[in-house]
Amino acid sequence: MRLFGRLLMALSLFVISLPARAQVGQQAVTLTLTVPQYNQIYVADLDVQHVKNAGVLFSATLHSNVLAPVSVKLRMTVNVILADGTAYEDIADATTNPFTLAPGQTKVITNVDFSGDNPSISIESSNYNSDQVDKLKSVALATGKAPAGEYQFHLECLNGADNSPISEATQSIYVTNPSRVELVLPTNQESITTLFPHLQWSSNVDTVVLSVYEKLPSQQSPEDVVSGVPFLRMTVPNSTSPSPGSFNYPPSGPGVRPLQAGRTYYWYVEVPSSSSRGSGIRSDIWNFSIEGTGSGSSSSGEGGSNAAATTTLKDLLSGTPFGNLSSQIQSLTGVATYDGSTLDIQQVMELLRTMDKSKITNVTVQ
């Protein structure tokens, strides 16, 4: 009887241990890997343990699927295939020391957690293949930016006790290194006759952001002009019709303000920042003028424009100590000047819209 009891107890313990072992074999930890869609990275950023100012190159999400604490490691390797087909295998790798995931815990780890003098995840071993790195640097840009190609990040979740694999994932960053954005038409300081100009540029990127601004009389430099509210700001694919790298100014649409004769407009295109660090690329700022009679005309305007300007002025005074004067303003007449320049009715309206009412110190109604 005692023998049977001991045998039954041993068998029970063996049966109880089976589910835990089965769970480990059935992916005890799920690993999900994501990478940002950068078009530029730096060769130095691949040395994940020693670089101190890298941006996020990958994000690994570990999720425990077991009902007991589990000890794991995370191993990263980087492979590179350049645009010309040249391959650099295992250019860098790093393995963490064991760490514990609580039952059902989800933990997110990025390459930034590996780096610096006091990393949040300690490193057991790290290798930056100097031969491969030197070859890669020889074709890198002088700025240290990695050459165009596929940068593959392979991550493995390992058993912390025996390094046996639990789960793995691979993702790639495709580096294109956009390097130029040049304006073509209208040429700088060109005078045109259409309110719907054909804007054209040259670039080796897929998409740009196009911005157009009106020059106000108070603005002296191109940077002053483009610090204001844009007449148009739109993301434009380089494959857009009527030809690559071009855009016809639309007559209307969301966020579109119509251009007017007699005005000067500044424009540029840019590639927003898409890099592990650093800024985007912007073209030069060019300007064009639209021929017509709008510039320098009287601000006495007639009809809707003059009434709209009067309403804009009253709205500006509302909520200020001079709000009671609004009732005395019947209609704007005469000639408006600002910094010695004559303004037409549309320029008066634009100036009123951009004024800071808190800085109004005196109002005279004539």
Protein backbone atom coordinates (compact mmCIF):
# COMPACT_ATOMS: atom_id res chain seq x y z
CA MET A 1 0.00 0.00 0.00
CA ARG A 2 2.82 2.39 0.89
CA LEU A 3 4.55 1.52 -2.37
CA PHE A 4 1.38 2.23 -4.30
CA GLY A 5 0.93 5.56 -2.48
CA ARG A 6 4.49 6.67 -3.31
CA LEU A 7 4.05 5.61 -6.91
CA LEU A 8 0.79 7.54 -7.15
CA MET A 9 2.42 10.67 -5.69
CA ALA A 10 5.36 10.49 -8.11
CA LEU A 11 3.00 10.01 -11.01
CA SER A 12 0.94 13.00 -9.90
CA LEU A 13 4.02 15.22 -9.74
CA PHE A 14 5.07 14.06 -13.19
CA VAL A 15 1.63 14.85 -14.62
CA ILE A 16 1.56 18.26 -12.95
CA SER A 17 4.92 19.16 -14.49
CA LEU A 18 3.84 18.31 -18.02
CA PRO A 19 1.76 21.45 -18.77
CA ALA A 20 4.60 23.82 -17.77
CA ARG A 21 7.08 22.04 -19.99
CA ALA A 22 4.56 21.91 -22.83
CA GLN A 23 4.02 25.67 -22.58
CA VAL A 24 7.73 26.36 -22.94
CA GLY A 25 7.80 24.21 -26.03
CA GLN A 26 4.74 25.99 -27.42
CA GLN A 27 6.26 29.46 -27.61
CA ALA A 28 6.26 30.46 -23.98
CA VAL A 29 7.07 34.02 -25.10
CA THR A 30 5.66 35.77 -28.17
CA LEU A 31 8.05 38.18 -29.92
CA THR A 32 6.73 40.97 -32.15
CA LEU A 33 9.17 43.25 -33.97
CA THR A 34 8.55 46.63 -35.61
CA VAL A 35 10.93 49.07 -37.30
CA PRO A 36 10.40 52.73 -38.30
CA GLN A 37 10.15 53.66 -41.97
CA TYR A 38 13.33 55.72 -42.06
CA ASN A 39 14.96 56.62 -45.36
CA GLN A 40 18.23 57.48 -43.62
CA ILE A 41 20.22 55.90 -40.79
CA TYR A 42 23.82 56.22 -39.62
CA VAL A 43 26.48 53.51 -39.70
CA ALA A 44 27.45 54.27 -36.10
CA ASP A 45 23.90 53.58 -34.92
CA LEU A 46 24.36 49.88 -35.72
CA ASP A 47 26.83 49.58 -32.85
CA VAL A 48 23.88 49.47 -30.47
CA GLN A 49 25.86 49.02 -27.25
CA HIS A 50 28.24 51.94 -27.66
CA VAL A 51 26.33 54.62 -29.57
CA LYS A 52 24.88 57.20 -27.16
CA ASN A 53 22.50 59.27 -29.26
CA ALA A 54 20.82 56.82 -31.61
CA GLY A 55 17.18 57.03 -32.54
CA VAL A 56 14.92 54.01 -32.32
CA LEU A 57 15.87 51.44 -34.97
CA PHE A 58 13.66 48.63 -33.75
CA SER A 59 11.03 47.93 -31.11
CA ALA A 60 10.64 44.39 -29.77
CA THR A 61 7.51 43.47 -27.83
CA LEU A 62 7.83 40.37 -25.63
CA HIS A 63 4.71 38.79 -24.16
CA SER A 64 4.78 35.89 -21.67
CA ASN A 65 2.24 33.17 -22.38
CA VAL A 66 2.97 31.05 -19.28
CA LEU A 67 1.61 31.07 -15.74
CA ALA A 68 4.99 31.20 -14.04
CA PRO A 69 7.96 33.61 -14.26
CA VAL A 70 10.21 32.86 -17.20
CA SER A 71 13.88 33.78 -17.68
CA VAL A 72 14.76 34.97 -21.19
CA LYS A 73 17.46 36.71 -23.21
CA LEU A 74 17.11 38.85 -26.32
CA ARG A 75 19.61 38.52 -29.17
CA MET A 76 19.87 40.99 -32.06
CA THR A 77 21.80 40.61 -35.32
CA VAL A 78 22.03 43.04 -38.23
CA ASN A 79 22.53 42.07 -41.87
CA VAL A 80 22.94 44.57 -44.73
CA ILE A 81 22.26 44.23 -48.44
CA LEU A 82 23.22 47.37 -50.39
CA ALA A 83 21.37 48.63 -53.44
CA ASP A 84 24.08 47.16 -55.71
CA GLY A 85 23.59 43.69 -54.18
CA THR A 86 26.67 43.68 -51.92
CA ALA A 87 25.89 41.78 -48.71
CA TYR A 88 27.33 42.34 -45.22
CA GLU A 89 26.24 39.53 -42.92
CA ASP A 90 26.21 39.78 -39.13
CA ILE A 91 27.61 43.28 -39.23
CA ALA A 92 26.57 43.71 -35.62
CA ASP A 93 25.08 41.60 -32.86
CA ALA A 94 24.24 41.92 -29.20
CA THR A 95 22.80 39.59 -26.56
CA THR A 96 21.29 40.72 -23.28
CA ASN A 97 21.82 39.17 -19.90
CA PRO A 98 18.90 37.05 -18.67
CA PHE A 99 15.88 38.95 -17.41
CA THR A 100 12.57 37.71 -16.04
CA LEU A 101 9.10 38.09 -17.48
CA ALA A 102 6.29 37.79 -14.97
CA PRO A 103 3.29 35.61 -15.86
CA GLY A 104 1.38 37.29 -18.68
CA GLN A 105 3.76 40.29 -18.71
CA THR A 106 4.33 42.36 -21.86
CA LYS A 107 7.70 44.13 -22.13
CA VAL A 108 8.85 46.50 -24.90
CA ILE A 109 12.58 46.77 -25.63
CA THR A 110 14.25 49.01 -28.22
CA ASN A 111 17.84 49.38 -29.34
CA VAL A 112 18.03 52.52 -27.17
CA ASP A 113 17.65 50.25 -24.10
CA PHE A 114 20.93 48.57 -25.12
CA SER A 115 22.98 51.74 -25.48
CA GLY A 116 24.80 54.28 -23.37
CA ASP A 117 26.92 54.00 -20.24
CA ASN A 118 24.08 52.72 -18.06
CA PRO A 119 21.70 50.82 -20.33
CA SER A 120 18.30 49.83 -18.96
CA ILE A 121 18.92 46.32 -20.36
CA SER A 122 22.39 44.97 -19.52
CA ILE A 123 24.41 43.34 -22.31
CA GLU A 124 26.01 39.93 -21.94
CA SER A 125 27.96 40.14 -25.21
CA SER A 126 28.22 42.50 -28.14
CA ASN A 127 30.10 42.43 -31.43
CA TYR A 128 30.55 45.15 -34.04
CA ASN A 129 32.20 43.39 -37.00
CA SER A 130 35.04 45.81 -37.70
CA ASP A 131 35.93 44.31 -41.10
CA GLN A 132 32.36 44.51 -42.34
CA VAL A 133 31.88 47.95 -40.80
CA ASP A 134 35.01 49.32 -42.47
CA LYS A 135 33.77 48.03 -45.83
CA LEU A 136 30.39 49.63 -45.24
CA LYS A 137 31.96 52.93 -44.17
CA SER A 138 34.01 52.99 -47.37
CA VAL A 139 30.79 53.36 -49.38
CA ALA A 140 28.95 55.48 -46.80
CA LEU A 141 28.31 59.16 -47.27
CA ALA A 142 30.82 61.63 -45.84
CA THR A 143 28.20 62.60 -43.25
CA GLY A 144 28.28 59.09 -41.78
CA LYS A 145 24.90 58.19 -43.24
CA ALA A 146 24.60 54.55 -44.19
CA PRO A 147 24.53 53.82 -47.94
CA ALA A 148 21.27 52.94 -49.66
CA GLY A 149 20.09 49.39 -49.15
CA GLU A 150 18.21 46.99 -46.88
CA TYR A 151 19.15 46.95 -43.19
CA GLN A 152 17.74 43.76 -41.70
CA PHE A 153 17.20 43.40 -37.95
CA HIS A 154 16.78 39.83 -36.71
CA LEU A 155 15.77 39.32 -33.08
CA GLU A 156 15.56 36.08 -31.11
CA CYS A 157 14.04 35.42 -27.72
CA LEU A 158 16.18 32.78 -25.99
CA ASN A 159 15.72 30.66 -22.91
CA GLY A 160 17.73 32.39 -20.19
CA ALA A 161 18.99 29.08 -18.80
CA ASP A 162 20.24 27.22 -21.86
CA ASN A 163 20.02 29.73 -24.77
CA SER A 164 17.55 27.52 -26.61
CA PRO A 165 15.36 29.51 -29.03
CA ILE A 166 11.80 30.39 -28.02
CA SER A 167 10.66 32.79 -30.77
CA GLU A 168 12.14 35.07 -33.42
CA ALA A 169 11.22 37.87 -35.81
CA THR A 170 12.84 39.83 -38.66
CA GLN A 171 12.13 43.29 -40.06
CA SER A 172 14.02 45.63 -42.43
CA ILE A 173 14.64 49.35 -42.83
CA TYR A 174 15.02 50.35 -46.48
CA VAL A 175 17.45 53.26 -46.77
CA THR A 176 17.16 55.46 -49.86
CA ASN A 177 19.12 58.54 -48.69
CA PRO A 178 17.18 61.35 -50.35
CA SER A 179 19.81 63.98 -51.04
CA ARG A 180 18.35 66.77 -53.13
CA VAL A 181 15.24 68.83 -53.77
CA GLU A 182 15.63 71.53 -56.44
CA LEU A 183 13.03 73.97 -57.71
CA VAL A 184 12.53 74.31 -61.48
CA LEU A 185 9.43 76.37 -62.38
CA PRO A 186 8.43 79.15 -62.03
CA THR A 187 11.99 80.39 -62.00
CA ASN A 188 13.01 82.58 -59.08
CA GLN A 189 11.55 86.12 -59.26
CA GLU A 190 9.63 85.24 -62.42
CA SER A 191 6.52 87.24 -63.34
CA ILE A 192 3.63 85.05 -64.50
CA THR A 193 0.12 85.77 -65.79
CA THR A 194 -1.92 82.87 -64.40
CA LEU A 195 -3.60 82.47 -61.02
CA PHE A 196 -3.06 78.70 -61.29
CA PRO A 197 0.69 78.34 -61.84
CA HIS A 198 2.37 75.06 -62.75
CA LEU A 199 4.95 74.40 -60.01
CA GLN A 200 7.78 72.01 -60.83
CA TRP A 201 10.77 70.62 -58.95
CA SER A 202 13.41 67.90 -59.22
CA SER A 203 14.08 65.35 -56.49
CA ASN A 204 15.11 61.73 -55.94
CA VAL A 205 12.36 61.05 -53.38
CA ASP A 206 8.87 59.60 -53.71
CA THR A 207 6.93 62.34 -51.92
CA VAL A 208 7.46 65.99 -50.98
CA VAL A 209 5.53 68.62 -49.06
CA LEU A 210 4.80 71.74 -51.12
CA SER A 211 4.26 75.11 -49.37
CA VAL A 212 3.21 78.47 -50.86
CA TYR A 213 3.05 81.77 -48.94
CA GLU A 214 2.06 85.34 -49.81
CA LYS A 215 4.57 88.09 -49.11
CA LEU A 216 3.09 90.80 -46.88
CA PRO A 217 4.42 94.37 -46.88
CA SER A 218 5.86 94.00 -43.38
CA GLN A 219 7.94 90.94 -44.34
CA GLN A 220 11.48 91.63 -45.47
CA SER A 221 13.20 88.26 -45.96
CA PRO A 222 12.14 84.91 -47.43
CA GLU A 223 12.33 83.36 -43.95
CA ASP A 224 9.95 86.06 -42.67
CA VAL A 225 7.48 85.16 -45.40
CA VAL A 226 7.50 81.40 -44.81
CA SER A 227 7.07 81.86 -41.05
CA GLY A 228 3.47 82.95 -41.65
CA VAL A 229 0.31 81.02 -42.52
CA PRO A 230 0.69 79.19 -45.85
CA PHE A 231 -1.73 79.78 -48.74
CA LEU A 232 -1.15 76.13 -49.58
CA ARG A 233 0.61 73.27 -47.82
CA MET A 234 0.15 69.88 -49.40
CA THR A 235 1.83 66.48 -49.59
CA VAL A 236 2.47 65.71 -53.25
CA PRO A 237 3.65 62.35 -54.69
CA ASN A 238 6.49 62.76 -57.16
CA SER A 239 4.50 60.59 -59.57
CA THR A 240 1.65 63.10 -59.71
CA SER A 241 0.33 64.30 -63.06
CA PRO A 242 0.82 66.11 -65.36
CA SER A 243 4.47 65.09 -64.96
CA PRO A 244 6.71 63.78 -62.16
CA GLY A 245 7.73 66.43 -59.65
CA SER A 246 5.02 68.93 -60.52
CA PHE A 247 1.75 70.38 -59.29
CA ASN A 248 -0.87 72.76 -60.71
CA TYR A 249 -2.09 75.27 -58.12
CA PRO A 250 -5.76 74.41 -57.58
CA PRO A 251 -8.61 76.93 -57.82
CA SER A 252 -10.16 75.59 -54.59
CA GLY A 253 -10.09 72.78 -52.06
CA PRO A 254 -9.44 72.12 -48.36
CA GLY A 255 -6.71 74.39 -47.05
CA VAL A 256 -6.33 76.17 -50.41
CA ARG A 257 -6.41 79.97 -50.57
CA PRO A 258 -6.72 81.44 -54.08
CA LEU A 259 -3.82 83.43 -55.50
CA GLN A 260 -4.44 87.00 -56.65
CA ALA A 261 -3.09 89.25 -59.35
CA GLY A 262 -0.55 91.84 -58.30
CA ARG A 263 0.81 89.75 -55.42
CA THR A 264 4.13 88.06 -54.79
CA TYR A 265 4.31 84.48 -53.51
CA TYR A 266 7.16 82.44 -52.01
CA TRP A 267 7.33 78.68 -52.28
CA TYR A 268 9.50 75.66 -51.49
CA VAL A 269 9.29 71.89 -51.28
CA GLU A 270 10.71 69.68 -48.54
CA VAL A 271 11.20 66.09 -47.51
CA PRO A 272 10.15 65.83 -43.85
CA SER A 273 12.61 64.22 -41.47
CA SER A 274 12.69 60.45 -41.89
CA SER A 275 15.89 59.57 -40.12
CA SER A 276 17.13 57.97 -36.92
CA ARG A 277 18.51 61.45 -36.17
CA GLY A 278 18.95 64.68 -38.07
CA SER A 279 16.53 66.84 -40.02
CA GLY A 280 14.72 66.68 -43.34
CA ILE A 281 15.70 68.27 -46.63
CA ARG A 282 14.28 71.55 -47.90
CA SER A 283 14.77 73.25 -51.23
CA ASP A 284 15.73 76.88 -51.64
CA ILE A 285 12.92 79.40 -51.23
CA TRP A 286 11.90 80.98 -54.53
CA ASN A 287 9.30 83.61 -55.36
CA PHE A 288 7.08 84.55 -58.27
CA SER A 289 4.76 87.47 -58.91
CA ILE A 290 1.41 87.42 -60.66
CA GLU A 291 0.93 90.27 -63.11
CA GLY A 292 -2.16 92.43 -62.69
CA THR A 293 -3.56 95.58 -61.17
CA GLY A 294 -4.10 94.35 -57.63
CA SER A 295 -0.83 95.69 -56.20
CA GLY A 296 -0.84 99.24 -54.92
CA SER A 297 -4.55 99.86 -55.54
CA SER A 298 -6.75 101.88 -53.21
CA SER A 299 -8.07 100.20 -50.10
CA SER A 300 -11.38 101.99 -50.49
CA GLY A 301 -12.71 98.90 -52.37
CA GLU A 302 -16.39 98.48 -53.06
CA GLY A 303 -19.03 95.91 -52.28
CA GLY A 304 -18.26 92.69 -50.42
CA SER A 305 -14.50 93.16 -50.08
CA ASN A 306 -14.82 96.50 -48.32
CA ALA A 307 -17.61 95.22 -46.06
CA ALA A 308 -15.55 92.13 -45.20
CA ALA A 309 -12.56 94.28 -44.28
CA THR A 310 -14.77 96.45 -42.06
CA THR A 311 -16.13 93.35 -40.32
CA THR A 312 -12.59 92.03 -39.84
CA LEU A 313 -11.57 95.29 -38.15
CA LYS A 314 -14.58 95.19 -35.83
CA ASP A 315 -13.83 91.60 -34.90
CA LEU A 316 -10.25 92.58 -34.10
CA LEU A 317 -11.42 95.33 -31.71
CA SER A 318 -13.96 93.05 -30.03
CA GLY A 319 -12.82 92.02 -26.57
CA THR A 320 -10.33 94.89 -26.29
CA PRO A 321 -10.70 98.17 -24.34
CA PHE A 322 -11.63 99.74 -27.69
CA GLY A 323 -14.53 97.41 -28.46
CA ASN A 324 -17.06 100.21 -27.90
CA LEU A 325 -15.63 102.06 -30.91
CA SER A 326 -16.88 99.34 -33.28
CA SER A 327 -20.28 101.00 -33.50
CA GLN A 328 -18.63 104.19 -34.83
CA ILE A 329 -16.98 102.37 -37.76
CA GLN A 330 -19.35 102.44 -40.72
CA SER A 331 -17.04 101.59 -43.64
CA LEU A 332 -13.33 101.69 -44.38
CA THR A 333 -12.40 104.47 -46.82
CA GLY A 334 -9.24 106.20 -47.96
CA VAL A 335 -5.80 104.76 -48.68
CA ALA A 336 -4.10 102.34 -46.28
CA THR A 337 -0.33 102.34 -45.84
CA TYR A 338 1.97 100.16 -43.73
CA ASP A 339 5.67 100.83 -43.26
CA GLY A 340 5.49 103.27 -46.16
CA SER A 341 3.84 100.78 -48.55
CA THR A 342 0.34 101.19 -49.93
CA LEU A 343 -2.02 98.29 -49.23
CA ASP A 344 -5.03 97.14 -51.25
CA ILE A 345 -8.18 95.88 -49.56
CA GLN A 346 -7.08 92.24 -49.48
CA GLN A 347 -3.76 93.14 -47.90
CA VAL A 348 -5.58 95.22 -45.29
CA MET A 349 -7.72 92.20 -44.41
CA GLU A 350 -4.67 89.93 -44.18
CA LEU A 351 -2.89 92.42 -41.93
CA LEU A 352 -5.92 92.71 -39.62
CA ARG A 353 -6.20 88.92 -39.37
CA THR A 354 -2.59 88.55 -38.27
CA MET A 355 -2.50 91.43 -35.77
CA ASP A 356 -2.19 90.65 -32.06
CA LYS A 357 -5.12 92.47 -30.43
CA SER A 358 -3.36 92.44 -27.04
CA LYS A 359 -0.78 94.86 -28.44
CA ILE A 360 -3.30 97.51 -29.62
CA THR A 361 -2.65 100.64 -27.54
CA ASN A 362 -4.64 103.32 -29.41
CA VAL A 363 -7.54 103.50 -31.88
CA THR A 364 -8.76 106.63 -33.66
CA VAL A 365 -12.01 106.67 -35.67
CA GLN A 366 -12.25 109.36 -38.37
